[in-house]
Amino acid sequence: MAGTRSRTADYVTLAKPRLNMLVVGSTLAGYAMGGGEMGDGPRVLSMVAGTALVAGGASAFNQVIERRTDALMRRTRLRPMADGRLASADAIVYASAMSLAGIALLTVAVNPLSAWVALATLVSYAAIYTPLKLKTSFATVIGAVPGALPPVIGWAAATNGLSQGAWILFGILFLWQLPHFLAIAWMYREDYARAGFPMLPVIEPDGRSTGRQSVLYTAALLPLSLAPTLVGMTSAAYFVAALLLTLGFLALTLRFAKSRSVPDARRVFFGSIIYLPVLWVLMIAGRT
């Protein structure tokens, strides 16, 4: 019985459910901003479940592909694949089943467009971004593309289209990810170096480029975070709140760029975790 529970826990871990909460939350934000009917329980639940299944499948494929490098990193060496607790064939079947189930659910219970966006997310994450991580530091930027698609899934689910609003939400999430991941890369740069990942803090260890890029991406996020009001999606109250929130996030990255310390990188990381859901809530509350 204990062995069964342990194996079940390993499969759950393979899907990274805690990380995918942000994915689901961003999808719901896209759905709400697209004018989706939140009272349509079956549709909303199908969208959430379908997106979560595809995200879980993508996470599982990622861990299969990176099982050898994960085994070299302290923070990932105990993952089920890295630790050898699950066979690759079993994990691939599991990842495939989740991904196919999620895409099928979105196609049948939501609409085909949302399923196509979810499929694009899966393929670009598992088949493009993950292999590129061992080849170039630019993979972080490439990986931000599938990472920014969840609100587009939600928008497609609500409108059966991909209009201007969808791409504004995409841009916000795209830019948000970069200081978030650069902070992680700085905190764990020794781990990444050990595994052979050419992350920016690994190839430029003085941290100047890491800090500078964190500031530049967050500065670019500032006008884009205000765009929902400028195009008539949200109220003036959202504009003011988003301005103050993003300036606070920018201040964290400026502090990190100046000190290039692990504590300040950690502040950027936790600040980013707070920033995104607060921004989504403000945006939905200010929707016009």
Protein backbone atom coordinates (compact mmCIF):
# COMPACT_ATOMS: atom_id res chain seq x y z
CA MET A 1 0.00 0.00 0.00
CA ALA A 2 2.81 2.41 0.89
CA GLY A 3 4.47 1.63 -2.43
CA THR A 4 1.26 2.41 -4.30
CA ARG A 5 0.88 5.73 -2.48
CA SER A 6 4.49 6.60 -3.24
CA ARG A 7 4.09 5.79 -6.93
CA THR A 8 0.89 7.83 -7.12
CA ALA A 9 2.67 10.76 -5.47
CA ASP A 10 5.45 10.47 -8.06
CA TYR A 11 2.96 10.71 -10.92
CA VAL A 12 1.34 13.73 -9.28
CA THR A 13 4.77 15.35 -8.89
CA LEU A 14 5.47 14.69 -12.56
CA ALA A 15 2.55 16.96 -13.47
CA LYS A 16 3.81 19.85 -11.25
CA PRO A 17 0.33 20.76 -9.94
CA ARG A 18 1.49 23.69 -7.78
CA LEU A 19 3.34 25.34 -10.64
CA ASN A 20 0.39 24.78 -12.96
CA MET A 21 -1.91 26.69 -10.63
CA LEU A 22 -0.47 29.86 -12.20
CA VAL A 23 -1.22 28.40 -15.63
CA VAL A 24 -4.84 27.73 -14.72
CA GLY A 25 -5.19 31.12 -13.03
CA SER A 26 -3.88 32.90 -16.13
CA THR A 27 -6.26 30.91 -18.32
CA LEU A 28 -9.18 31.95 -16.14
CA ALA A 29 -8.01 35.57 -16.35
CA GLY A 30 -7.98 35.38 -20.14
CA TYR A 31 -11.45 33.85 -20.13
CA ALA A 32 -12.83 36.56 -17.84
CA MET A 33 -11.20 39.39 -19.80
CA GLY A 34 -12.59 37.91 -23.01
CA GLY A 35 -16.08 38.24 -21.56
CA GLY A 36 -16.56 34.56 -20.90
CA GLU A 37 -19.59 33.59 -18.84
CA MET A 38 -18.26 32.54 -15.44
CA GLY A 39 -21.66 31.11 -14.56
CA ASP A 40 -21.33 28.49 -17.29
CA GLY A 41 -19.97 25.87 -14.91
CA PRO A 42 -19.48 22.95 -17.35
CA ARG A 43 -17.60 25.15 -19.84
CA VAL A 44 -15.38 26.76 -17.21
CA LEU A 45 -14.62 23.43 -15.54
CA SER A 46 -13.83 21.84 -18.91
CA MET A 47 -11.51 24.72 -19.80
CA VAL A 48 -9.74 24.51 -16.44
CA ALA A 49 -9.44 20.72 -16.53
CA GLY A 50 -8.33 20.65 -20.16
CA THR A 51 -5.70 23.31 -19.65
CA ALA A 52 -4.45 21.67 -16.45
CA LEU A 53 -4.14 18.29 -18.20
CA VAL A 54 -2.15 19.74 -21.09
CA ALA A 55 0.08 21.72 -18.70
CA GLY A 56 0.63 18.58 -16.63
CA GLY A 57 1.51 16.62 -19.73
CA ALA A 58 3.99 19.28 -20.82
CA SER A 59 5.62 19.23 -17.38
CA ALA A 60 5.89 15.45 -17.49
CA PHE A 61 7.47 15.47 -20.96
CA ASN A 62 9.92 18.12 -19.73
CA GLN A 63 11.02 15.94 -16.83
CA VAL A 64 11.47 12.91 -19.08
CA ILE A 65 13.67 14.89 -21.45
CA GLU A 66 15.67 16.51 -18.64
CA ARG A 67 15.99 13.49 -16.35
CA ARG A 68 19.78 13.30 -16.70
CA THR A 69 20.43 17.00 -16.16
CA ASP A 70 17.87 17.11 -13.33
CA ALA A 71 19.88 14.38 -11.60
CA LEU A 72 22.92 16.72 -11.56
CA MET A 73 21.10 19.60 -9.85
CA ARG A 74 20.51 19.73 -6.11
CA ARG A 75 17.04 21.26 -6.37
CA THR A 76 15.78 18.73 -8.95
CA ARG A 77 17.73 15.53 -8.23
CA LEU A 78 14.87 14.01 -6.22
CA ARG A 79 12.28 14.39 -8.96
CA PRO A 80 10.76 11.02 -9.94
CA MET A 81 12.55 10.78 -13.30
CA ALA A 82 15.89 12.14 -12.08
CA ASP A 83 15.87 9.75 -9.14
CA GLY A 84 14.95 6.77 -11.32
CA ARG A 85 11.71 6.00 -9.48
CA LEU A 86 9.68 5.95 -12.68
CA ALA A 87 10.53 4.36 -16.02
CA SER A 88 10.76 6.67 -19.01
CA ALA A 89 8.27 4.58 -21.01
CA ASP A 90 5.69 4.79 -18.23
CA ALA A 91 6.18 8.54 -17.88
CA ILE A 92 5.83 9.08 -21.63
CA VAL A 93 2.55 7.14 -21.67
CA TYR A 94 1.33 9.18 -18.71
CA ALA A 95 2.34 12.49 -20.30
CA SER A 96 0.77 11.53 -23.62
CA ALA A 97 -2.48 10.42 -22.00
CA MET A 98 -2.81 13.66 -20.04
CA SER A 99 -2.01 15.82 -23.04
CA LEU A 100 -4.39 14.02 -25.38
CA ALA A 101 -7.17 14.00 -22.79
CA GLY A 102 -6.75 17.73 -22.22
CA ILE A 103 -6.77 18.60 -25.91
CA ALA A 104 -9.79 16.34 -26.53
CA LEU A 105 -11.69 17.90 -23.63
CA LEU A 106 -11.01 21.43 -24.88
CA THR A 107 -12.01 20.48 -28.42
CA VAL A 108 -15.30 18.83 -27.46
CA ALA A 109 -16.44 20.80 -24.41
CA VAL A 110 -14.99 24.27 -25.13
CA ASN A 111 -14.01 24.94 -28.74
CA PRO A 112 -11.36 23.76 -31.23
CA LEU A 113 -9.47 27.08 -31.19
CA SER A 114 -8.69 26.79 -27.49
CA ALA A 115 -7.46 23.26 -28.13
CA TRP A 116 -5.18 24.43 -30.95
CA VAL A 117 -3.64 27.08 -28.70
CA ALA A 118 -3.14 24.46 -25.97
CA LEU A 119 -1.49 22.15 -28.50
CA ALA A 120 0.82 24.97 -29.62
CA THR A 121 1.72 25.52 -25.97
CA LEU A 122 2.54 21.84 -25.47
CA VAL A 123 4.65 21.47 -28.63
CA SER A 124 6.59 24.71 -28.22
CA TYR A 125 7.34 23.93 -24.57
CA ALA A 126 8.27 20.25 -24.80
CA ALA A 127 9.67 19.97 -28.32
CA ILE A 128 11.32 23.38 -28.82
CA TYR A 129 12.08 25.12 -25.53
CA THR A 130 13.16 22.11 -23.48
CA PRO A 131 15.82 20.80 -25.94
CA LEU A 132 17.12 24.33 -26.53
CA LYS A 133 17.88 24.85 -22.83
CA LEU A 134 21.14 22.93 -23.24
CA LYS A 135 22.13 24.90 -26.34
CA THR A 136 21.55 28.61 -25.72
CA SER A 137 20.76 31.14 -23.02
CA PHE A 138 18.17 32.57 -25.41
CA ALA A 139 16.03 29.52 -24.60
CA THR A 140 14.67 31.49 -21.64
CA VAL A 141 13.09 33.98 -24.06
CA ILE A 142 11.83 31.19 -26.32
CA GLY A 143 10.34 29.40 -23.32
CA ALA A 144 8.42 32.54 -22.41
CA VAL A 145 6.31 32.05 -25.56
CA PRO A 146 4.50 28.85 -24.46
CA GLY A 147 4.50 30.24 -20.93
CA ALA A 148 2.52 33.26 -22.14
CA LEU A 149 -0.17 31.31 -24.00
CA PRO A 150 -2.50 30.28 -21.11
CA PRO A 151 -4.49 33.57 -21.11
CA VAL A 152 -4.76 33.18 -24.88
CA ILE A 153 -6.36 29.76 -24.30
CA GLY A 154 -8.85 31.45 -21.98
CA TRP A 155 -9.56 34.26 -24.43
CA ALA A 156 -10.10 31.74 -27.24
CA ALA A 157 -12.44 29.76 -24.99
CA ALA A 158 -14.50 32.89 -24.30
CA THR A 159 -14.59 34.47 -27.76
CA ASN A 160 -13.66 31.72 -30.24
CA GLY A 161 -11.22 34.26 -31.64
CA LEU A 162 -7.83 35.87 -31.04
CA SER A 163 -8.28 39.62 -31.10
CA GLN A 164 -6.14 42.47 -29.78
CA GLY A 165 -6.95 41.79 -26.13
CA ALA A 166 -5.59 38.25 -26.31
CA TRP A 167 -2.22 39.48 -27.51
CA ILE A 168 -2.02 42.19 -24.87
CA LEU A 169 -2.50 39.51 -22.20
CA PHE A 170 0.08 37.35 -23.98
CA GLY A 171 2.58 40.22 -23.96
CA ILE A 172 2.05 40.94 -20.27
CA LEU A 173 2.68 37.34 -19.29
CA PHE A 174 5.60 37.02 -21.72
CA LEU A 175 7.44 39.99 -20.21
CA TRP A 176 6.54 39.04 -16.62
CA GLN A 177 8.22 35.66 -17.00
CA LEU A 178 11.64 36.99 -17.92
CA PRO A 179 12.63 38.75 -14.67
CA HIS A 180 10.94 35.86 -12.83
CA PHE A 181 13.13 33.25 -14.55
CA LEU A 182 16.28 35.37 -14.48
CA ALA A 183 15.90 35.63 -10.70
CA ILE A 184 15.61 31.83 -10.49
CA ALA A 185 18.63 31.41 -12.77
CA TRP A 186 20.70 33.71 -10.55
CA MET A 187 19.67 31.96 -7.33
CA TYR A 188 20.53 28.54 -8.75
CA ARG A 189 23.34 29.46 -11.13
CA GLU A 190 25.73 26.93 -9.59
CA ASP A 191 23.16 24.17 -10.10
CA TYR A 192 22.62 25.18 -13.72
CA ALA A 193 26.37 25.29 -14.33
CA ARG A 194 26.74 21.81 -12.82
CA ALA A 195 24.11 20.45 -15.21
CA GLY A 196 25.60 22.21 -18.24
CA PHE A 197 22.77 24.69 -18.88
CA PRO A 198 24.15 27.85 -20.55
CA MET A 199 21.90 30.17 -18.58
CA LEU A 200 22.79 33.87 -18.68
CA PRO A 201 24.16 33.88 -15.09
CA VAL A 202 26.34 30.88 -16.03
CA ILE A 203 27.90 32.31 -19.19
CA GLU A 204 28.20 35.83 -17.71
CA PRO A 205 28.86 35.15 -14.02
CA ASP A 206 29.35 38.77 -12.92
CA GLY A 207 25.57 39.18 -13.13
CA ARG A 208 25.58 42.54 -14.90
CA SER A 209 23.68 41.26 -17.93
CA THR A 210 21.26 39.32 -15.73
CA GLY A 211 20.45 42.40 -13.67
CA ARG A 212 20.26 44.70 -16.68
CA GLN A 213 17.92 42.40 -18.59
CA SER A 214 15.70 41.97 -15.54
CA VAL A 215 15.28 45.74 -15.40
CA LEU A 216 14.74 46.13 -19.15
CA TYR A 217 12.06 43.45 -19.36
CA THR A 218 10.24 44.85 -16.33
CA ALA A 219 10.47 48.36 -17.75
CA ALA A 220 8.91 47.06 -20.98
CA LEU A 221 6.19 45.44 -18.87
CA LEU A 222 5.21 48.82 -17.44
CA PRO A 223 3.51 50.30 -20.54
CA LEU A 224 2.09 46.94 -21.58
CA SER A 225 0.51 46.43 -18.16
CA LEU A 226 -1.30 49.75 -18.70
CA ALA A 227 -2.43 48.87 -22.23
CA PRO A 228 -5.73 47.24 -21.13
CA THR A 229 -6.96 50.70 -20.06
CA LEU A 230 -5.54 52.44 -23.12
CA VAL A 231 -7.51 50.16 -25.47
CA GLY A 232 -10.69 50.32 -23.43
CA MET A 233 -10.57 46.92 -21.74
CA THR A 234 -10.32 48.25 -18.19
CA SER A 235 -11.09 51.29 -16.08
CA ALA A 236 -8.90 54.21 -15.02
CA ALA A 237 -8.77 52.71 -11.52
CA TYR A 238 -7.00 49.65 -12.97
CA PHE A 239 -4.54 51.97 -14.75
CA VAL A 240 -3.51 53.63 -11.48
CA ALA A 241 -3.30 50.36 -9.55
CA ALA A 242 -1.33 48.60 -12.31
CA LEU A 243 1.04 51.56 -12.55
CA LEU A 244 1.83 51.45 -8.84
CA LEU A 245 2.10 47.65 -8.81
CA THR A 246 4.46 47.50 -11.78
CA LEU A 247 6.60 50.35 -10.47
CA GLY A 248 6.99 48.33 -7.27
CA PHE A 249 8.06 45.30 -9.29
CA LEU A 250 10.49 47.47 -11.26
CA ALA A 251 11.99 48.76 -8.02
CA LEU A 252 12.76 45.18 -6.98
CA THR A 253 14.58 44.48 -10.24
CA LEU A 254 16.54 47.74 -9.97
CA ARG A 255 17.66 46.76 -6.49
CA PHE A 256 18.70 43.34 -7.75
CA ALA A 257 20.58 44.82 -10.71
CA LYS A 258 22.53 47.06 -8.34
CA SER A 259 23.41 44.43 -5.73
CA ARG A 260 23.31 41.22 -7.80
CA SER A 261 22.78 39.39 -4.52
CA VAL A 262 20.86 36.19 -3.95
CA PRO A 263 18.54 37.81 -1.34
CA ASP A 264 17.56 40.51 -3.83
CA ALA A 265 17.06 37.89 -6.57
CA ARG A 266 14.80 36.06 -4.14
CA ARG A 267 12.85 39.28 -3.57
CA VAL A 268 12.33 39.59 -7.34
CA PHE A 269 11.17 35.97 -7.48
CA PHE A 270 8.66 36.29 -4.66
CA GLY A 271 7.61 39.72 -5.88
CA SER A 272 6.83 38.24 -9.27
CA ILE A 273 4.75 35.48 -7.68
CA ILE A 274 2.68 38.14 -5.90
CA TYR A 275 2.57 40.51 -8.86
CA LEU A 276 0.87 38.28 -11.43
CA PRO A 277 -2.24 37.13 -9.55
CA VAL A 278 -2.73 40.62 -8.10
CA LEU A 279 -2.53 42.12 -11.60
CA TRP A 280 -5.07 39.59 -12.92
CA VAL A 281 -7.47 40.36 -10.07
CA LEU A 282 -7.12 44.11 -10.61
CA MET A 283 -7.65 43.68 -14.33
CA ILE A 284 -10.80 41.57 -13.92
CA ALA A 285 -12.17 43.92 -11.25
CA GLY A 286 -11.60 46.89 -13.55
CA ARG A 287 -12.99 45.27 -16.69
CA THR A 288 -15.27 47.60 -18.66
